[in-house]
C-alpha atoms as a PDB file:
ATOM      1  CA  MET A   1     -16.957 -39.101 -27.737  1.00  0.00           C
ATOM      2  CA  THR A   2     -15.355 -40.209 -24.732  1.00  0.00           C
ATOM      3  CA  GLY A   3     -13.944 -39.185 -21.436  1.00  0.00           C
ATOM      4  CA  THR A   4     -11.199 -38.959 -19.132  1.00  0.00           C
ATOM      5  CA  GLY A   5      -8.852 -42.410 -19.257  1.00  0.00           C
ATOM      6  CA  GLY A   6     -10.851 -43.483 -22.992  1.00  0.00           C
ATOM      7  CA  GLN A   7     -14.465 -43.621 -21.251  1.00  0.00           C
ATOM      8  CA  PRO A   8     -17.072 -42.671 -23.423  1.00  0.00           C
ATOM      9  CA  LYS A   9     -18.920 -39.629 -22.265  1.00  0.00           C
ATOM     10  CA  ARG A  10     -22.389 -39.244 -20.575  1.00  0.00           C
ATOM     11  CA  ASP A  11     -24.660 -37.586 -22.780  1.00  0.00           C
ATOM     12  CA  PRO A  12     -26.082 -34.332 -19.928  1.00  0.00           C
ATOM     13  CA  PHE A  13     -29.540 -34.732 -21.837  1.00  0.00           C
ATOM     14  CA  TRP A  14     -30.602 -37.689 -19.897  1.00  0.00           C
ATOM     15  CA  THR A  15     -29.781 -36.346 -16.379  1.00  0.00           C
ATOM     16  CA  HIS A  16     -31.454 -33.098 -17.231  1.00  0.00           C
ATOM     17  CA  ALA A  17     -34.319 -35.036 -18.937  1.00  0.00           C
ATOM     18  CA  GLY A  18     -34.701 -37.180 -15.038  1.00  0.00           C
ATOM     19  CA  LEU A  19     -34.823 -34.294 -12.780  1.00  0.00           C
ATOM     20  CA  ALA A  20     -37.362 -32.396 -15.506  1.00  0.00           C
ATOM     21  CA  ALA A  21     -39.136 -35.074 -14.565  1.00  0.00           C
ATOM     22  CA  ALA A  22     -39.420 -34.933 -10.784  1.00  0.00           C
ATOM     23  CA  VAL A  23     -39.987 -31.463 -10.958  1.00  0.00           C
ATOM     24  CA  MET A  24     -42.814 -32.152 -13.736  1.00  0.00           C
ATOM     25  CA  GLY A  25     -43.957 -34.808 -11.475  1.00  0.00           C
ATOM     26  CA  VAL A  26     -43.975 -32.539  -7.966  1.00  0.00           C
ATOM     27  CA  GLY A  27     -45.133 -30.661  -9.638  1.00  0.00           C
ATOM     28  CA  ALA A  28     -48.156 -32.137 -10.145  1.00  0.00           C
ATOM     29  CA  ALA A  29     -48.381 -34.145  -6.956  1.00  0.00           C
ATOM     30  CA  VAL A  30     -47.950 -30.407  -5.033  1.00  0.00           C
ATOM     31  CA  ALA A  31     -50.794 -28.645  -6.995  1.00  0.00           C
ATOM     32  CA  ALA A  32     -52.934 -32.248  -6.884  1.00  0.00           C
ATOM     33  CA  ALA A  33     -53.133 -31.860  -3.692  1.00  0.00           C
ATOM     34  CA  LEU A  34     -51.987 -27.628  -2.344  1.00  0.00           C
ATOM     35  CA  PRO A  35     -55.670 -26.721  -3.590  1.00  0.00           C
ATOM     36  CA  LYS A  36     -58.634 -27.569  -0.840  1.00  0.00           C
ATOM     37  CA  VAL A  37     -61.218 -26.278  -3.709  1.00  0.00           C
ATOM     38  CA  THR A  38     -61.677 -28.661  -5.824  1.00  0.00           C
ATOM     39  CA  GLU A  39     -61.726 -25.654  -9.285  1.00  0.00           C
ATOM     40  CA  ASP A  40     -58.421 -24.454  -7.630  1.00  0.00           C
ATOM     41  CA  ARG A  41     -56.631 -27.789  -8.221  1.00  0.00           C
ATOM     42  CA  VAL A  42     -58.014 -28.222 -11.364  1.00  0.00           C
ATOM     43  CA  SER A  43     -56.659 -24.671 -12.516  1.00  0.00           C
ATOM     44  CA  ALA A  44     -52.934 -25.383 -10.893  1.00  0.00           C
ATOM     45  CA  LEU A  45     -52.956 -28.706 -12.500  1.00  0.00           C
ATOM     46  CA  LEU A  46     -53.785 -27.291 -15.161  1.00  0.00           C
ATOM     47  CA  GLY A  47     -51.031 -24.937 -15.400  1.00  0.00           C
ATOM     48  CA  VAL A  48     -49.166 -27.151 -14.441  1.00  0.00           C
ATOM     49  CA  GLY A  49     -50.033 -29.022 -17.572  1.00  0.00           C
ATOM     50  CA  ILE A  50     -49.034 -26.561 -20.172  1.00  0.00           C
ATOM     51  CA  ALA A  51     -45.650 -26.429 -18.032  1.00  0.00           C
ATOM     52  CA  THR A  52     -44.749 -30.634 -18.358  1.00  0.00           C
ATOM     53  CA  VAL A  53     -45.370 -30.617 -22.430  1.00  0.00           C
ATOM     54  CA  THR A  54     -43.816 -27.237 -23.707  1.00  0.00           C
ATOM     55  CA  GLY A  55     -40.660 -27.995 -21.223  1.00  0.00           C
ATOM     56  CA  VAL A  56     -40.494 -31.242 -22.766  1.00  0.00           C
ATOM     57  CA  LEU A  57     -40.912 -29.368 -25.977  1.00  0.00           C
ATOM     58  CA  ALA A  58     -37.935 -27.282 -25.080  1.00  0.00           C
ATOM     59  CA  LEU A  59     -35.601 -29.352 -23.900  1.00  0.00           C
ATOM     60  CA  VAL A  60     -36.230 -31.573 -26.617  1.00  0.00           C
ATOM     61  CA  LEU A  61     -35.576 -28.957 -29.218  1.00  0.00           C
ATOM     62  CA  LYS A  62     -32.581 -27.418 -27.065  1.00  0.00           C
ATOM     63  CA  ARG A  63     -30.948 -30.902 -27.024  1.00  0.00           C
ATOM     64  CA  ARG A  64     -31.716 -30.510 -31.140  1.00  0.00           C
ATOM     65  CA  ALA A  65     -29.826 -27.458 -31.684  1.00  0.00           C
ATOM     66  CA  VAL A  66     -26.499 -28.005 -29.295  1.00  0.00           C
ATOM     67  CA  SER A  67     -25.859 -31.115 -31.410  1.00  0.00           C
ATOM     68  CA  GLN A  68     -25.686 -28.941 -34.927  1.00  0.00           C
ATOM     69  CA  ALA A  69     -23.322 -26.040 -32.593  1.00  0.00           C
ATOM     70  CA  ASP A  70     -25.232 -23.618 -34.149  1.00  0.00           C
ATOM     71  CA  LEU A  71     -25.777 -20.342 -32.461  1.00  0.00           C
ATOM     72  CA  LYS A  72     -29.070 -18.608 -34.577  1.00  0.00           C
ATOM     73  CA  ALA A  73     -30.289 -22.145 -33.885  1.00  0.00           C
ATOM     74  CA  ALA A  74     -29.905 -21.956 -30.686  1.00  0.00           C
ATOM     75  CA  LEU A  75     -31.772 -18.525 -30.360  1.00  0.00           C
ATOM     76  CA  LYS A  76     -34.588 -19.461 -32.610  1.00  0.00           C
ATOM     77  CA  VAL A  77     -35.296 -22.134 -30.406  1.00  0.00           C
ATOM     78  CA  VAL A  78     -35.106 -19.954 -26.887  1.00  0.00           C
ATOM     79  CA  GLY A  79     -37.818 -18.190 -29.642  1.00  0.00           C
ATOM     80  CA  VAL A  80     -39.776 -19.989 -30.440  1.00  0.00           C
ATOM     81  CA  VAL A  81     -39.731 -21.492 -26.963  1.00  0.00           C
ATOM     82  CA  PHE A  82     -40.495 -18.703 -25.202  1.00  0.00           C
ATOM     83  CA  ALA A  83     -43.979 -17.853 -27.601  1.00  0.00           C
ATOM     84  CA  LEU A  84     -44.974 -21.298 -27.799  1.00  0.00           C
ATOM     85  CA  ARG A  85     -45.098 -21.446 -23.650  1.00  0.00           C
ATOM     86  CA  GLY A  86     -46.602 -17.379 -23.922  1.00  0.00           C
ATOM     87  CA  VAL A  87     -49.354 -19.134 -26.189  1.00  0.00           C
ATOM     88  CA  GLY A  88     -49.727 -21.893 -23.478  1.00  0.00           C
ATOM     89  CA  VAL A  89     -49.924 -19.126 -20.577  1.00  0.00           C
ATOM     90  CA  GLY A  90     -52.588 -17.125 -22.493  1.00  0.00           C
ATOM     91  CA  LEU A  91     -54.702 -19.918 -23.557  1.00  0.00           C
ATOM     92  CA  GLY A  92     -54.652 -21.545 -20.075  1.00  0.00           C
ATOM     93  CA  LEU A  93     -55.653 -18.025 -18.916  1.00  0.00           C
ATOM     94  CA  ALA A  94     -58.823 -18.164 -21.180  1.00  0.00           C
ATOM     95  CA  TRP A  95     -60.141 -21.141 -21.016  1.00  0.00           C
ATOM     96  CA  VAL A  96     -59.515 -21.001 -16.736  1.00  0.00           C
ATOM     97  CA  VAL A  97     -61.284 -17.411 -16.373  1.00  0.00           C
ATOM     98  CA  SER A  98     -64.012 -18.202 -19.442  1.00  0.00           C
ATOM     99  CA  ARG A  99     -65.071 -21.418 -16.651  1.00  0.00           C
ATOM    100  CA  GLY A 100     -64.932 -18.782 -13.615  1.00  0.00           C
ATOM    101  CA  LEU A 101     -61.977 -21.209 -12.228  1.00  0.00           C
ATOM    102  CA  SER A 102     -58.820 -19.917 -10.230  1.00  0.00           C
ATOM    103  CA  ALA A 103     -56.253 -17.991 -12.207  1.00  0.00           C
ATOM    104  CA  ILE A 104     -53.939 -17.584  -9.327  1.00  0.00           C
ATOM    105  CA  ALA A 105     -54.036 -21.444  -8.936  1.00  0.00           C
ATOM    106  CA  PHE A 106     -53.164 -21.667 -12.836  1.00  0.00           C
ATOM    107  CA  VAL A 107     -50.276 -18.858 -12.410  1.00  0.00           C
ATOM    108  CA  GLY A 108     -49.482 -20.778  -9.260  1.00  0.00           C
ATOM    109  CA  GLY A 109     -49.264 -23.726 -10.718  1.00  0.00           C
ATOM    110  CA  PHE A 110     -47.246 -22.776 -14.745  1.00  0.00           C
ATOM    111  CA  PHE A 111     -44.652 -20.806 -13.511  1.00  0.00           C
ATOM    112  CA  GLY A 112     -44.297 -22.778 -10.106  1.00  0.00           C
ATOM    113  CA  VAL A 113     -42.866 -25.916 -13.188  1.00  0.00           C
ATOM    114  CA  TYR A 114     -41.885 -23.333 -15.215  1.00  0.00           C
ATOM    115  CA  PHE A 115     -38.903 -21.661 -13.245  1.00  0.00           C
ATOM    116  CA  ALA A 116     -37.367 -25.266 -12.283  1.00  0.00           C
ATOM    117  CA  LEU A 117     -37.766 -26.410 -15.605  1.00  0.00           C
ATOM    118  CA  GLN A 118     -36.217 -23.011 -17.031  1.00  0.00           C
ATOM    119  CA  TRP A 119     -32.754 -23.554 -13.988  1.00  0.00           C
ATOM    120  CA  ILE A 120     -32.935 -27.467 -15.792  1.00  0.00           C
ATOM    121  CA  GLU A 121     -32.721 -26.348 -19.664  1.00  0.00           C
ATOM    122  CA  VAL A 122     -30.267 -23.548 -18.996  1.00  0.00           C
ATOM    123  CA  SER A 123     -28.141 -25.912 -16.884  1.00  0.00           C
ATOM    124  CA  TYR A 124     -28.360 -28.611 -20.061  1.00  0.00           C
ATOM    125  CA  VAL A 125     -27.352 -25.919 -22.505  1.00  0.00           C
ATOM    126  CA  MET A 126     -24.406 -25.034 -20.404  1.00  0.00           C
ATOM    127  CA  ALA A 127     -23.605 -28.767 -19.635  1.00  0.00           C
ATOM    128  CA  ALA A 128     -23.871 -29.516 -23.708  1.00  0.00           C
ATOM    129  CA  SER A 129     -22.057 -27.030 -24.691  1.00  0.00           C
ATOM    130  CA  LYS A 130     -18.788 -27.494 -22.329  1.00  0.00           C
ATOM    131  CA  ASP A 131     -18.831 -31.179 -23.858  1.00  0.00           C
ATOM    132  CA  THR A 132     -19.476 -29.991 -27.410  1.00  0.00           C
ATOM    133  CA  ALA A 133     -15.971 -26.935 -26.311  1.00  0.00           C
ATOM    134  CA  GLY A 134     -14.442 -29.195 -25.311  1.00  0.00           C
ATOM    135  CA  GLY A 135     -14.191 -29.178 -21.364  1.00  0.00           C
ATOM    136  CA  ASP A 136     -13.593 -26.530 -19.283  1.00  0.00           C
ATOM    137  CA  GLU A 137     -14.874 -23.610 -21.445  1.00  0.00           C
END
């Protein structure tokens, strides 16, 4: 694909992956620095870690689905990633609660990163779809 003036188009994936990495790094830094109690820090970092792993997987799978230009594949990816995140939150909460750690810190860590990553994923799909469609659609 070429952009205006015959220049090759830049893949929006790498821009969005960089933004996602920045969000993950900020989330980890906040989870490591903000909680005053060590147990809360562990819970928050676990939440950020699960959100990070599922976020990376989501972005890669969405890139693959967008490259196929198949709406069914894209919808399957949304469902699979949603289920993976649900399982991750459930297992993480079970682990945190079974050890007497803070569920609130875990949830805060997970969803603090998740919401930002979700916006980045949606932005990526929109940008990649626009490129696939050929412009301003």
